[in-house]
Amino acid sequence: MNGKGIADVILLLFSFFHTDKFHSVIRNSGFIISTILIRISFSVSGIVNVLMIIGAVLFGLIMLVIHNKYEKQFTKEKKENYKLEE
């Protein structure tokens, strides 16, 4: 792993200290994995390069969709619990 890969891991570890929300940690992990896949794709050529980039982008989008669905559900449940307490 080169210096850029280590920086990605350090960034991910920093995000663990910044938030304890599971869905945010999963989102950040997905984005770091996507970034690493894109960087790896630069070291190969041909169709493998294109497939790795497409795979990395799709992986990042899937992580974002999962995060957004969980966030929406979490917010809805939080609002319902707040109304019950009143």
Foldseek 3Di string as FASTA:
>chain_A
DDPVLVVLVVVLVVVVVVDVDPLVSQLSVLLSVLVVLLVVLVVDDDPSSVVSNVVSVVSNVVSVVVSVVVVVVVVVVVVVVVVVVD
